[in-house]
Structures are given as structure tokens and as C-alpha cells.
Protein backbone atom coordinates (compact mmCIF):
# COMPACT_ATOMS: atom_id res chain seq x y z
CA MET A 1 120.44 61.33 94.13
CA ALA A 2 118.90 64.35 95.06
CA ASP A 3 115.52 64.31 97.22
CA TYR A 4 113.32 66.25 95.51
CA ILE A 5 110.38 65.61 97.63
CA TYR A 6 111.97 67.39 100.56
CA THR A 7 113.39 70.23 98.24
CA MET A 8 110.20 71.05 97.22
CA GLU A 9 108.57 70.41 100.60
CA ILE A 10 110.99 73.37 102.02
CA ARG A 11 110.81 75.45 99.04
CA LEU A 12 107.01 75.67 98.55
CA THR A 13 105.06 77.86 101.29
CA PRO A 14 102.69 76.58 103.48
CA ASP A 15 99.78 77.33 101.46
CA GLN A 16 101.54 75.88 98.51
CA LEU A 17 102.09 72.65 100.33
CA LYS A 18 98.69 72.50 100.84
CA GLY A 19 97.38 73.40 97.85
CA VAL A 20 99.56 70.65 96.43
CA ASN A 21 98.48 67.95 98.99
CA LEU A 22 94.86 68.98 97.98
CA VAL A 23 95.38 68.38 94.24
CA GLN A 24 96.84 65.11 94.87
CA GLU A 25 94.28 63.56 96.80
CA VAL A 26 91.93 64.53 94.41
CA ALA A 27 93.88 62.97 91.66
CA ARG A 28 94.46 60.04 93.71
CA ALA A 29 90.97 59.70 94.32
CA ALA A 30 89.87 59.94 90.77
CA GLY A 31 92.79 57.26 90.10
CA ILE A 32 94.90 59.79 86.93
CA THR A 33 98.55 60.07 87.11
CA LEU A 34 99.79 63.33 88.34
CA TYR A 35 103.24 65.33 88.34
CA LEU A 36 104.34 68.74 89.21
CA THR A 37 106.09 70.20 86.12
CA GLY A 38 106.94 73.40 83.88
CA GLY A 39 107.84 76.38 86.03
CA ALA A 40 106.83 75.04 89.52
CA ILE A 41 109.65 72.49 89.20
CA ARG A 42 112.73 75.06 87.54
CA ASP A 43 111.72 77.62 90.44
CA ILE A 44 112.08 74.94 93.08
CA ILE A 45 115.32 74.01 91.90
CA SER A 46 117.04 77.49 90.90
CA GLY A 47 115.63 78.84 94.08
CA PHE A 48 113.53 81.83 92.47
CA THR A 49 110.32 82.61 93.76
CA ILE A 50 107.84 80.20 93.04
CA ARG A 51 104.95 81.98 91.80
CA ASP A 52 102.08 79.49 90.85
CA LEU A 53 101.76 75.49 90.56
CA ASP A 54 101.81 73.80 87.53
CA PHE A 55 100.16 70.47 87.47
CA THR A 56 100.36 68.09 84.29
CA VAL A 57 97.78 64.79 84.08
CA GLN A 58 97.50 61.67 82.46
CA GLY A 59 93.59 62.15 81.45
CA ASN A 60 90.91 64.94 81.42
CA PRO A 61 91.12 67.54 84.27
CA LEU A 62 87.83 69.23 82.87
CA LYS A 63 86.09 66.19 84.63
CA LEU A 64 87.88 67.49 88.04
CA GLN A 65 86.16 70.39 88.03
CA LYS A 66 83.78 69.62 90.97
CA ASP A 67 86.26 67.43 92.68
CA PHE A 68 88.63 70.16 93.32
CA GLU A 69 85.30 72.79 94.36
CA ARG A 70 84.16 70.26 96.73
CA ALA A 71 87.93 70.14 97.94
CA GLY A 72 88.02 74.17 98.83
CA ALA A 73 89.70 75.36 95.18
CA GLN A 74 88.08 78.23 93.43
CA LEU A 75 87.59 77.83 89.38
CA ALA A 76 89.19 80.67 87.86
CA GLY A 77 88.56 80.04 84.47
CA HIS A 78 89.39 76.94 82.09
CA ASP A 79 90.78 76.48 78.64
CA ASP A 80 88.87 73.85 76.73
CA ASP A 81 91.10 73.32 73.77
CA VAL A 82 93.98 72.41 75.85
CA ARG A 83 92.09 70.77 78.19
CA THR A 84 93.29 72.85 81.53
CA LEU A 85 91.65 74.02 84.58
CA PHE A 86 92.68 77.50 86.52
CA LEU A 87 92.18 77.26 89.91
CA VAL A 88 92.61 79.45 93.17
CA LEU A 89 93.53 77.02 96.14
CA PRO A 90 93.39 77.68 99.73
CA GLY A 91 95.44 80.51 100.89
CA ASN A 92 95.13 82.16 97.59
CA VAL A 93 97.44 80.06 95.49
CA ARG A 94 97.16 79.98 91.91
CA ALA A 95 97.15 76.50 89.89
CA GLU A 96 96.87 75.04 86.68
CA VAL A 97 95.98 71.66 86.02
CA GLY A 98 96.45 70.56 82.14
CA MET A 99 96.31 67.43 80.26
CA ALA A 100 99.28 65.82 79.13
CA HIS A 101 99.67 66.23 75.29
CA THR A 102 100.99 66.96 72.23
CA GLU A 103 100.94 69.79 69.60
CA THR A 104 101.12 69.20 65.66
CA TYR A 105 102.09 72.70 63.64
CA GLU A 106 101.00 71.72 60.38
CA LYS A 107 101.18 75.47 59.20
CA VAL A 108 103.17 78.70 60.71
CA GLY A 109 100.56 80.70 62.52
CA LYS A 110 97.60 77.93 62.88
CA PRO A 111 96.57 76.49 65.33
CA PRO A 112 97.99 73.30 66.87
CA THR A 113 96.79 69.83 66.54
CA ILE A 114 96.09 69.00 70.03
CA ALA A 115 96.09 65.23 70.79
CA PRO A 116 96.11 63.21 74.78
CA ALA A 117 99.75 61.81 75.67
CA SER A 118 101.73 60.38 77.95
CA ILE A 119 104.09 62.64 80.19
CA GLN A 120 107.21 61.74 78.38
CA GLU A 121 105.65 63.15 75.24
CA ASP A 122 104.36 66.30 77.01
CA LEU A 123 107.61 67.55 77.97
CA ARG A 124 108.98 66.88 74.49
CA ARG A 125 106.53 69.82 73.19
CA ARG A 126 107.40 72.35 75.78
CA ASP A 127 109.52 75.29 75.19
CA PHE A 128 112.73 75.24 77.01
CA THR A 129 114.90 72.73 78.88
CA VAL A 130 114.42 74.46 81.98
CA ASN A 131 110.79 73.71 81.55
CA ALA A 132 110.92 70.40 80.33
CA MET A 133 111.19 68.70 83.53
CA ALA A 134 108.23 66.59 85.84
CA LEU A 135 108.03 65.32 89.44
CA SER A 136 106.18 62.32 90.20
CA LEU A 137 103.70 63.03 92.74
CA ASN A 138 101.87 59.42 92.32
CA GLU A 139 102.03 56.43 94.90
CA GLY A 140 104.96 53.89 93.74
CA SER A 141 107.43 57.10 91.98
CA ARG A 142 106.64 59.33 94.66
CA GLY A 143 110.06 62.03 94.20
CA LEU A 144 111.28 60.72 90.81
CA LEU A 145 112.85 63.70 88.59
CA LEU A 146 111.86 63.58 85.14
CA ASP A 147 114.08 65.52 82.84
CA PRO A 148 114.56 64.38 79.32
CA PHE A 149 116.44 67.20 78.23
CA ASN A 150 118.84 67.87 81.28
CA GLY A 151 117.25 71.15 82.54
CA VAL A 152 119.04 71.07 85.88
CA ALA A 153 122.09 71.16 84.17
CA ASP A 154 121.09 74.56 82.34
CA ILE A 155 120.04 75.74 85.52
CA GLU A 156 123.05 75.46 87.08
CA ALA A 157 124.66 76.80 83.85
CA LYS A 158 121.86 79.67 84.18
CA VAL A 159 121.26 79.69 80.49
CA LEU A 160 117.99 79.11 77.89
CA ARG A 161 118.03 76.60 75.85
CA ILE A 162 115.17 76.12 73.54
CA LEU A 163 114.37 71.69 72.60
CA HIS A 164 114.70 72.12 69.12
CA ASN A 165 115.46 74.30 66.11
CA TYR A 166 111.73 74.68 65.17
CA SER A 167 110.44 75.84 68.55
CA PHE A 168 110.19 79.61 67.62
CA VAL A 169 108.72 79.00 64.60
CA GLU A 170 106.01 76.65 65.80
CA ASP A 171 105.51 78.99 68.92
CA PRO A 172 106.00 82.81 68.62
CA SER A 173 105.06 83.44 71.80
CA ARG A 174 108.02 81.52 72.94
CA LEU A 175 110.07 84.49 71.77
CA ILE A 176 108.25 86.64 74.37
CA ARG A 177 108.64 84.16 76.93
CA ALA A 178 112.54 83.86 76.13
CA THR A 179 112.59 88.11 76.53
CA ARG A 180 110.97 87.97 79.79
CA PHE A 181 112.59 84.91 81.47
CA ALA A 182 115.95 86.73 80.37
CA ALA A 183 114.62 90.07 81.85
CA ARG A 184 113.54 87.96 84.97
CA PHE A 185 116.40 86.06 85.53
CA HIS A 186 119.32 87.91 84.33
CA TRP A 187 120.08 84.38 82.09
CA PRO A 188 121.36 84.74 78.70
CA LEU A 189 120.17 82.51 75.80
CA GLU A 190 122.02 79.69 74.85
CA GLU A 191 124.31 80.40 71.50
CA ARG A 192 122.30 78.38 69.30
CA THR A 193 119.01 79.65 70.93
CA GLN A 194 120.08 83.52 70.79
CA GLN A 195 120.61 82.46 66.78
CA ARG A 196 117.21 80.81 66.61
CA PHE A 197 115.87 84.01 68.19
CA ASP A 198 117.31 86.54 66.10
CA SER A 199 116.34 84.45 62.93
CA ALA A 200 112.45 84.53 63.92
CA ARG A 201 112.21 87.93 64.91
CA GLU A 202 113.80 89.34 61.68
CA ASN A 203 111.35 86.55 60.12
CA LYS A 204 108.57 88.79 61.92
CA TYR A 205 107.55 85.03 63.05
CA ILE A 206 105.85 86.98 66.22
CA ASP A 207 102.79 88.07 63.95
CA HIS A 208 101.38 84.99 63.72
CA ILE A 209 101.23 84.42 67.46
CA SER A 210 97.76 83.73 68.97
CA LYS A 211 95.64 85.60 71.00
CA GLY A 212 95.19 83.26 73.32
CA SER A 213 99.23 83.39 73.72
CA ILE A 214 98.68 87.06 73.79
CA GLY A 215 96.13 86.87 76.68
CA HIS A 216 98.43 84.22 78.76
CA GLU A 217 101.90 86.78 78.30
CA ILE A 218 99.60 89.72 79.58
CA ALA A 219 98.50 87.47 82.43
CA GLN A 220 102.19 86.42 83.15
CA LEU A 221 103.19 90.50 83.64
CA ALA A 222 100.86 90.63 86.37
CA HIS A 223 102.96 88.24 88.88
CA GLU A 224 106.43 89.22 87.97
CA ASP A 225 108.55 90.57 90.85
CA ASP A 226 109.87 93.58 88.55
CA PRO A 227 107.22 94.12 86.24
CA LEU A 228 108.73 97.76 85.32
CA SER A 229 112.40 96.09 83.77
CA VAL A 230 110.39 92.83 81.51
CA VAL A 231 107.92 95.72 80.43
CA ARG A 232 110.92 97.47 79.28
CA ALA A 233 112.88 94.61 77.46
CA LEU A 234 109.84 93.72 75.59
CA GLU A 235 109.63 97.22 74.31
CA LYS A 236 113.28 97.11 73.57
CA GLU A 237 112.56 94.09 71.09
CA GLU A 238 109.28 95.48 69.75
CA PHE A 239 106.98 92.59 71.29
CA LEU A 240 105.19 95.12 73.98
CA LYS A 241 103.25 96.52 70.89
CA VAL A 242 102.17 92.78 70.07
CA LEU A 243 100.13 92.59 73.29
CA HIS A 244 98.33 95.67 72.57
CA PRO A 245 99.23 98.35 69.86
CA HIS A 246 99.02 101.28 72.19
CA TRP A 247 101.38 99.92 74.85
CA THR A 248 104.44 101.50 75.69
CA VAL A 249 106.08 102.23 78.48
CA ALA A 250 105.06 105.89 78.57
CA LYS A 251 101.91 104.37 79.40
CA VAL A 252 103.02 103.20 82.30
CA ASP A 253 102.96 105.05 86.13
CA THR A 254 106.50 103.86 86.69
CA ASN A 255 106.79 105.88 90.22
CA GLY A 256 103.42 103.79 91.33
CA LEU A 257 104.66 100.72 90.07
CA THR A 258 108.27 101.01 91.89
CA GLN A 259 106.33 102.47 95.18
CA LEU A 260 103.70 99.66 94.98
CA MET A 261 107.00 96.86 94.45
CA LYS A 262 108.84 98.49 97.68
CA THR A 263 105.56 98.34 99.69
CA ARG A 264 104.89 95.09 98.99
CA GLN A 265 108.28 93.81 99.92
CA GLN A 266 108.12 95.52 103.70
CA ILE A 267 104.34 94.09 103.80
CA VAL A 268 105.87 90.40 102.57
CA ASP A 269 109.22 90.74 105.29
CA LEU A 270 106.15 91.16 108.16
CA GLY A 271 104.60 87.59 107.41
CA TYR A 272 101.64 88.87 105.16
CA THR A 273 100.91 87.01 102.07
CA VAL A 274 99.71 89.53 99.13
CA ASP A 275 99.13 89.02 95.64
CA PRO A 276 99.92 92.29 93.83
CA SER A 277 98.63 91.42 90.42
CA ALA A 278 95.29 93.64 90.26
CA ALA A 279 97.57 96.67 91.44
CA VAL A 280 100.40 95.72 89.41
CA MET A 281 98.34 95.84 86.14
CA HIS A 282 96.52 99.10 87.39
CA PHE A 283 99.78 100.79 87.26
CA LEU A 284 100.70 99.11 83.80
CA THR A 285 98.09 100.81 82.23
CA ALA A 286 97.73 103.66 84.28
CA HIS A 287 97.84 106.00 81.23
CA LEU A 288 95.81 104.05 78.62
CA PRO A 289 92.17 105.18 77.59
CA GLU A 290 89.58 103.09 78.96
CA LYS A 291 88.71 101.35 75.68
CA ASP A 292 92.50 99.81 75.49
CA ILE A 293 92.16 98.44 78.98
CA ALA A 294 88.85 97.08 78.53
CA ASP A 295 90.53 95.24 75.23
CA ILE A 296 93.15 93.73 77.39
CA ARG A 297 91.15 92.57 79.91
CA LYS A 298 89.26 90.56 77.51
CA GLN A 299 92.19 88.88 76.13
CA ILE A 300 93.25 87.50 79.48
CA PRO A 301 91.96 84.18 80.24
CA ARG A 302 91.83 83.99 84.33
CA LYS A 303 89.09 86.02 85.46
CA ASP A 304 89.79 86.29 88.89
CA LEU A 305 92.99 88.48 88.11
CA ILE A 306 90.07 90.88 85.46
CA GLU A 307 87.52 90.93 88.55
CA ALA A 308 90.47 91.83 91.01
CA TRP A 309 91.80 94.31 88.41
CA ARG A 310 88.20 96.13 87.70
CA ASP A 311 87.27 96.34 91.23
CA ILE A 312 90.27 97.68 92.87
CA GLU A 313 89.90 101.10 93.10
CA ASP A 314 86.39 100.96 93.75
CA HIS A 315 87.14 98.90 97.10
CA ALA A 316 90.22 100.95 97.90
CA LYS A 317 87.91 104.14 97.87
CA GLU A 318 85.49 102.32 100.59
CA LEU A 319 88.55 101.18 103.02
CA ALA A 320 89.63 105.12 102.75
CA LYS A 321 86.46 106.21 103.61
CA ARG A 322 85.87 104.04 106.71
CA LEU A 323 90.02 104.85 107.83
CA MET A 324 88.49 108.51 107.64
CA GLY A 325 85.23 107.70 110.20
CA LYS A 326 84.06 106.99 113.47
CA GLU A 327 85.33 102.87 112.51
CA ALA A 328 88.82 104.37 112.90
CA ALA A 329 88.46 106.93 115.59
CA THR A 330 91.44 105.35 117.64
CA PRO A 331 94.43 103.90 117.10
CA SER A 332 93.12 100.26 118.25
CA ARG A 333 90.09 100.61 116.54
CA THR A 334 92.09 101.46 113.67
CA TRP A 335 94.77 98.27 113.83
CA ASN A 336 91.31 95.96 113.90
CA LEU A 337 90.29 97.87 110.67
CA LEU A 338 93.50 97.27 108.79
CA SER A 339 93.49 93.89 110.08
CA SER A 340 90.58 92.43 108.94
CA ALA A 341 90.65 94.17 105.44
CA ARG A 342 92.32 92.02 102.63
CA PRO A 343 96.36 92.73 102.27
CA GLU A 344 95.71 93.61 98.58
CA MET A 345 93.35 96.83 99.21
CA VAL A 346 96.02 97.90 102.33
CA LEU A 347 98.59 97.55 99.59
CA PHE A 348 97.20 99.53 96.90
CA LEU A 349 95.68 102.11 99.18
CA ALA A 350 99.12 102.42 100.42
CA VAL A 351 100.74 104.13 97.52
CA THR A 352 97.55 105.83 95.95
CA ALA A 353 96.19 107.32 99.13
CA ARG A 354 95.24 111.22 98.55
CA HIS A 355 94.39 111.77 102.15
CA GLN A 356 97.09 112.48 104.51
CA SER A 357 95.17 111.19 107.88
CA VAL A 358 94.41 107.48 105.83
CA ALA A 359 98.37 107.53 104.37
CA GLN A 360 99.81 108.06 108.14
CA LYS A 361 97.13 105.53 109.75
CA ILE A 362 98.60 102.77 107.17
CA LYS A 363 102.06 103.81 107.76
CA ASN A 364 101.33 103.41 111.38
CA PHE A 365 100.19 99.88 110.94
CA PHE A 366 103.12 98.64 109.41
CA THR A 367 105.56 100.62 111.20
CA LYS A 368 104.91 102.27 114.88
CA TRP A 369 102.61 100.36 116.23
CA ARG A 370 104.69 97.36 115.09
CA ASP A 371 107.33 98.25 117.61
CA VAL A 372 104.30 98.64 120.15
CA GLN A 373 102.83 95.23 119.70
CA LYS A 374 106.63 93.77 120.15
CA ARG A 375 107.20 94.88 123.67
CA ILE A 376 105.04 92.14 124.75
CA PRO A 377 104.95 90.45 127.29
CA LEU A 378 105.46 93.15 129.11
CA PRO A 379 107.92 92.98 132.28
CA GLU A 380 104.98 93.29 134.51
CA MET A 381 103.05 90.47 133.06
CA THR A 382 106.42 88.32 133.78
CA GLU A 383 106.34 89.46 137.37
CA LEU A 384 102.54 88.68 137.95
CA LEU A 385 103.26 85.37 136.47
CA ILE A 386 101.31 85.82 133.34
CA THR A 387 102.54 83.56 131.18
CA PRO A 388 101.27 82.07 127.75
CA GLN A 389 100.77 78.77 129.74
CA LEU A 390 97.81 80.87 131.10
CA PRO A 391 94.44 79.67 128.75
CA GLU A 392 93.22 83.52 128.69
CA TYR A 393 96.90 84.66 127.77
CA PRO A 394 95.88 85.51 124.10
CA LYS A 395 92.75 87.97 125.38
CA ILE A 396 94.79 89.85 127.97
CA ALA A 397 97.78 90.17 125.29
CA ARG A 398 95.52 91.73 123.13
CA ASP A 399 93.77 94.06 125.60
CA VAL A 400 96.70 95.07 126.64
CA PHE A 401 98.10 95.90 123.57
CA MET A 402 95.00 98.23 122.32
CA LEU A 403 95.42 99.75 125.88
CA LEU A 404 99.04 100.71 124.97
CA LEU A 405 98.10 101.73 121.63
CA ASP A 406 95.23 104.22 123.01
CA GLY A 407 97.47 105.60 125.76
CA LYS A 408 95.58 103.96 128.63
CA LEU A 409 98.71 102.37 130.12
CA ARG A 410 101.20 104.97 130.43
CA SER A 411 102.93 104.15 133.37
CA ARG A 412 103.83 101.02 135.97
CA THR A 413 101.22 101.70 138.41
CA GLU A 414 98.39 101.97 135.86
CA THR A 415 99.94 98.65 134.24
CA LEU A 416 99.78 96.78 137.38
CA LYS A 417 96.37 97.85 138.26
CA PHE A 418 95.12 96.70 135.10
CA LEU A 419 96.90 93.46 135.06
CA LYS A 420 96.54 92.12 138.88
CA PRO A 421 93.01 91.04 138.52
CA PHE A 422 94.19 88.29 135.42
CA ALA A 423 96.91 87.09 137.75
CA PRO A 424 96.90 83.82 138.76
CA PRO A 425 96.74 82.48 142.32
CA PRO A 426 100.24 82.26 144.18
CA PRO A 427 101.10 78.33 144.17
CA PRO A 428 100.42 76.16 147.82
CA PRO A 429 102.97 76.25 149.92
CA PRO A 430 105.27 72.82 150.82
CA PRO A 431 104.07 70.23 152.81
CA PRO A 432 105.53 70.01 156.31
CA PRO A 433 108.32 67.57 156.54
CA ARG A 434 106.93 63.97 157.78
CA ARG A 435 107.57 63.22 161.74
CA GLY A 436 108.06 59.35 162.18
CA ARG A 437 110.66 56.84 162.00
CA GLY A 438 113.14 58.59 159.83
CA PRO A 439 116.78 58.57 159.07
CA LYS A 440 118.11 60.20 161.79
CA ALA A 441 115.37 58.68 163.90
CA ALA A 442 116.80 55.10 163.43
CA ALA A 443 120.35 56.41 164.14
CA VAL A 444 119.06 57.56 167.53
CA ALA A 445 117.53 54.20 167.85
CA ALA A 446 120.31 52.17 167.14
CA PRO A 447 123.60 53.96 168.77
CA ILE A 448 127.53 52.38 168.51
CA PRO A 449 127.53 50.07 171.16
CA GLU A 450 130.00 50.87 173.88
CA ALA A 451 132.07 49.17 176.23
CA PRO A 452 130.56 47.34 179.32
CA GLY A 453 130.91 49.45 182.55
CA LYS A 454 131.33 52.73 180.90
CA PRO A 455 128.17 55.36 180.77
CA ALA A 456 126.60 57.17 177.39
CA LYS A 457 127.83 60.25 177.44
CA GLY A 458 124.68 63.20 176.32
CA LYS A 459 122.08 60.85 175.23
CA GLY A 460 120.67 60.53 179.17
CA LYS A 461 117.08 62.01 178.60
CA LYS A 462 116.90 62.06 174.89
CA ALA A 463 117.19 58.60 174.75
CA ALA A 464 114.50 57.54 177.48
CA PRO A 465 112.17 56.70 174.32
CA VAL A 466 113.98 53.89 172.93
CA ALA A 467 115.00 52.16 176.65
CA ALA A 468 113.00 49.38 178.62
CA PRO A 469 109.22 50.15 179.10
CA ALA A 470 108.10 52.75 181.80
CA PRO A 471 107.11 50.55 184.30
CA ALA A 472 110.51 48.84 184.67
CA ALA A 473 112.20 52.11 185.24
CA SER A 474 109.41 53.29 188.21
CA VAL A 475 108.85 49.98 189.69
CA PRO A 476 112.39 48.10 190.87
CA ALA A 477 112.15 44.64 189.46
CA PRO A 478 112.55 41.74 192.35
CA ALA A 479 116.14 40.34 193.07
CA LYS A 480 116.03 37.10 190.92
CA LYS A 481 119.17 34.60 189.77
CA THR A 482 118.46 36.04 186.49
CA LYS A 483 120.15 38.42 184.07
CA PRO A 484 121.28 42.08 185.85
CA GLU A 485 119.46 44.56 184.59
CA ALA A 486 122.42 46.29 182.82
CA SER A 487 119.93 48.50 180.73
CA ARG A 488 119.62 50.85 183.40
CA LYS A 489 122.02 53.79 182.88
CA PRO A 490 124.06 54.13 185.77
CA ASP A 491 124.01 57.16 188.12
CA THR A 492 126.87 59.70 187.30
CA LYS A 493 127.02 60.47 191.30
CA ALA A 494 127.48 56.91 192.56
CA LYS A 495 130.94 55.04 191.05
CA PRO A 496 129.73 53.55 188.33
CA ALA A 497 132.77 51.69 187.37
CA LYS A 498 132.99 49.44 190.25
CA ALA A 499 128.86 48.60 190.33
CA ALA A 500 129.23 47.32 187.13
CA GLY A 501 132.22 45.40 187.46
CA LYS A 502 130.68 43.55 190.09
CA THR A 503 127.49 43.24 188.22
CA ALA A 504 129.55 42.39 185.08
CA LYS A 505 130.97 38.92 186.98
CA SER A 506 127.95 37.36 187.09
CA ALA A 507 126.17 37.94 183.92
CA LYS A 508 126.44 35.76 180.69
CA PRO A 509 127.96 36.67 177.38
CA ALA A 510 124.59 37.53 176.04
CA ALA A 511 123.53 39.88 178.92
CA LYS A 512 126.76 41.77 178.13
CA ALA A 513 125.10 42.89 174.67
CA ALA A 514 122.13 43.75 176.38
CA ALA A 515 123.91 46.01 178.64
CA ALA A 516 125.32 47.70 175.86
CA ARG A 517 121.98 48.22 173.83
CA HIS A 518 120.22 49.36 176.72
CA SER A 519 122.86 51.67 178.69
CA THR A 520 120.82 54.78 178.11
CA ARG A 521 118.46 54.58 181.09
CA LYS A 522 118.17 57.07 183.66
CA PRO A 523 120.58 57.59 186.62
CA ALA A 524 118.39 57.61 189.08
CA ALA A 525 116.82 53.73 188.11
CA LYS A 526 120.27 52.56 188.01
CA LYS A 527 120.80 53.87 191.71
CA SER A 528 118.22 52.17 193.03
CA THR A 529 119.37 48.59 191.24
CA THR A 530 122.71 48.90 192.45
CA LYS A 531 121.78 49.54 196.46
CA LYS A 532 119.57 46.61 195.85
CA ALA A 533 122.94 44.87 194.60
CA LYS A 534 124.59 45.80 197.67
CA LYS A 535 121.74 44.37 200.28
CA ARG A 536 122.06 41.12 198.37
């Protein structure tokens, strides 16, 4: 069985995953059943780009508006008819939270009757099998995939299939949606679906489309990866004029739109998250009169898209003015300015900039200066042990980067001169070895016993500290009938063998062991002992 929670977590971006957790916590606190549905599930399974998140709850999501705002989401609009909230989650993630409901169509072209329903009934009223799936985000069933129409199989087969024969009749906007999906995914319509599609188009069911559906389809164009191909497909089916009577491909700035999507991909590859929807709408309607543009904006349900589209040119002009002023007089200042600007504005200005200096600075920001940034850490930093483990490393690395951009570190000497004050102190020297009774000293203190009568070789003076106490070496012991002092080392000049032999005759067996242990005494002391023994 597939682990769809794991698939979701690896397919969503970090910001989208945080958005899922945010919606999940709000729904759990309110005691509402929550599902991830529609296009999000389709794109997670198919591997296509996940544009937005669609949630369905069994309840009224409009009551959760304040809860979402307190959690950090922004309200971008709402639809009271189907009880849907349009949200912008942290990280600029678009999301919709709608009520599970049924739609009953009494007549063609008439708005449906909306009624609350279960998630299973909600899936039955959808358009295509690949969109009629839901993933449970509830305790006890988290990760359970609901797929009553076998949408996973159609994703694997790469076909678009309607749920029932009256799908295009009930909601003519599905004709536009089928065209848009086919152009985006390059998936054909299933045979029966194609027949129903052709019949609905010939009977002009598209004339009965609702205004709300038109606005929704216009907004979807702004988030396509290849909006130009979708617009051309819509014009081929004569659906583009349904969105607006004067809208044609000739009214689109095709060169600007192509350059925009190319630059957008370059920015995404650098790790930026950018929403090009406002810029896309600008180029899609570039040659339309202002009145027609205003009419199109009125039909879009999302206020955030309308505001961004309306203000994009003014914001871009303001950014261009700043790039030509003192605020961007040096490469380092230009880098700081563009880094703090919204990626959407930088993207749009990169395509529309008229001043050569502005265009060149933006180009350097995405190409040449990135190569300089990759050179950090410098070899000199490694040599001076300036590593990421230092608390001040981020600031040092940034300062080095700024100086490199401005050409103030041109040689190794200049670089070392700047970096030396930040180098950490050298590590302390290792502690000296301990002097004491170590393994070697123990070996000297306990030599291998030797046979009696034979002096130790080469251990005369060095072995003195472990011999008998000092007084016994300097003051001769009185002649007593006790154990002989065999612990003193024999004199090498005398005849130690004979002296040792005479002493050994009167020694006890225990004295022999003592003589072996203390055979390292000084030769001089042994000589005097031998003479006394002779006198006796």
C-alpha cells in the first residue's frame, strides 16, 4: 500500500508543508474534519508542479477566517455561494479551503443548488477522475486516500476522463478546464470524454458558463508554467473569447512572456521562490485597452492577484529608479538592494528594464556576482582557521564577499591583512609528560633476577635509587651472625665470584633471593664488605 503522507511530504515545498500543518492545526482546534483534495493530490501523485493547495472540510470554513488570520494566513478573498476561503499562507503559498457540498443542476446554464455534504458526496460532483481524490489529514485516518473513481489509474494511463455523461452539460466551464489540462499535461481525452466534449462544443453549451467560472479560469492562466501554449489551445477551441470577447493571442506580448518564463526558471534554479502570476497577466493582456483590462480584473475572485497585477509596473519603476541612484552606486550596495527587494519585482524588471545600466546590474546579480559568492570560503580563511564553527563566521564571510564585489581584495596579501585580526588564537601546547612511576620506571625498579655470584651488567649508578637505604651504603654494618649483605654490588676490580661464593655458603635460601633483588649496589660498598668478611 502506498504511503501517501510520505509522498506528500517529499513532493511539497517546505513552505507548502508548513501551510498544510497550519491548516491542519486550525481545523483540529475547531473539531472539523479536513482533507487535502483536487489538483493538489493529482500533482503530488503525477509529479507535476504543485501550484496551490486545495482543502475540503466537512463544515463551514467561513467561520474559521479569524482563526486562520491569527495563525498567520492572509485572506485573499471568499466565495459565499460555495463557502470557500481563498488564503495566502506564510511563504506566499496559495490555498483554498472549501466546504464539502453537492451541486444540483435543474437547468442548463442555471446556477446549481448548493448543499452541505460528506466528503464522498463531494468527490462525486467533481469534473475529472484525476481530480476526484482526497487525502485524509485527520487523526485515526491520516494518510488514507479516497479514490472512488480510480483516478490513480488514469494518472498512470495519462488520460482525462469525466465522471458521468452530463459533466459538460451541468458545468460548461469544464470544457475550458479540459482544454487547459490537455495543453498543460499533454494528456489526451479518454474516448467517451472526447465524444461528450465535441458534442457540448457543437451545441454551444459554453454560452451558459457562469461569470464566477470565467473569473476562476482567468486566474488559473496566471499560474501556468507555459501560459502561452494554454492560451493558444483556448483560442483554437474558440474559448479564449469566452473569457473576454476582445482577447486573442495577438493581444499577448509573446516575446515578453517567453522571456519572463525563461528568467523565472533561472531564478527558481538559484533557490528563490517567486510568484510570476501578476507579471504573466501583464504580458497576457499587454495589447488590450485599459477598459478591457479593467473588465478582466473585475471577474477575478482573488484580490491579491488583482492588486499585484495593478501595482506591478509602479513598483518596478520605483525599483529601477533606486538602482540608478546612490543606493546602488557600488556592486555591494546593488547586491544589498536587490537582495532585499521582492523577487517578483526583480523578475519583472529583468524583462522590462529599459535602461542598460539597470538591466546589467540585474544580470550581474543573477550570474557574475553569484560566481564570486561561490569562492567563499577563501583558501586564506581556511589557512587562518576561520571556519563556520566560529560564531562570527557569517559576518566575516559577508564582509569578505562585499569587499570582493567592490574589488578591494585583489591579492593574497590584501586578503590576509584583512582576515588576520579575525583569526582565532592558536591552540595551547600539549601538557608535558608526567614524571613518576610509569611503566619504564617499574621495569627498572623490578629487574629480572640474576644468578647469585654474578654482578648486574650496565646497571651500576642508574639503579642506586632503588637499592638499600643510603646510610647502609656509607656506614659499614657491624659483623653479626645474620644474613650477609649480599644486596651490595660486588667490586668489579676484586674477585666478586670468590667473595660471592664464600658468602653464599653461610647464607640461607631466603638470603639468596634478597641478594638477587639487591644486586645493583655500588661496587665500592661491596668491596668494603668483602674485606670485613675476610677479616672474620
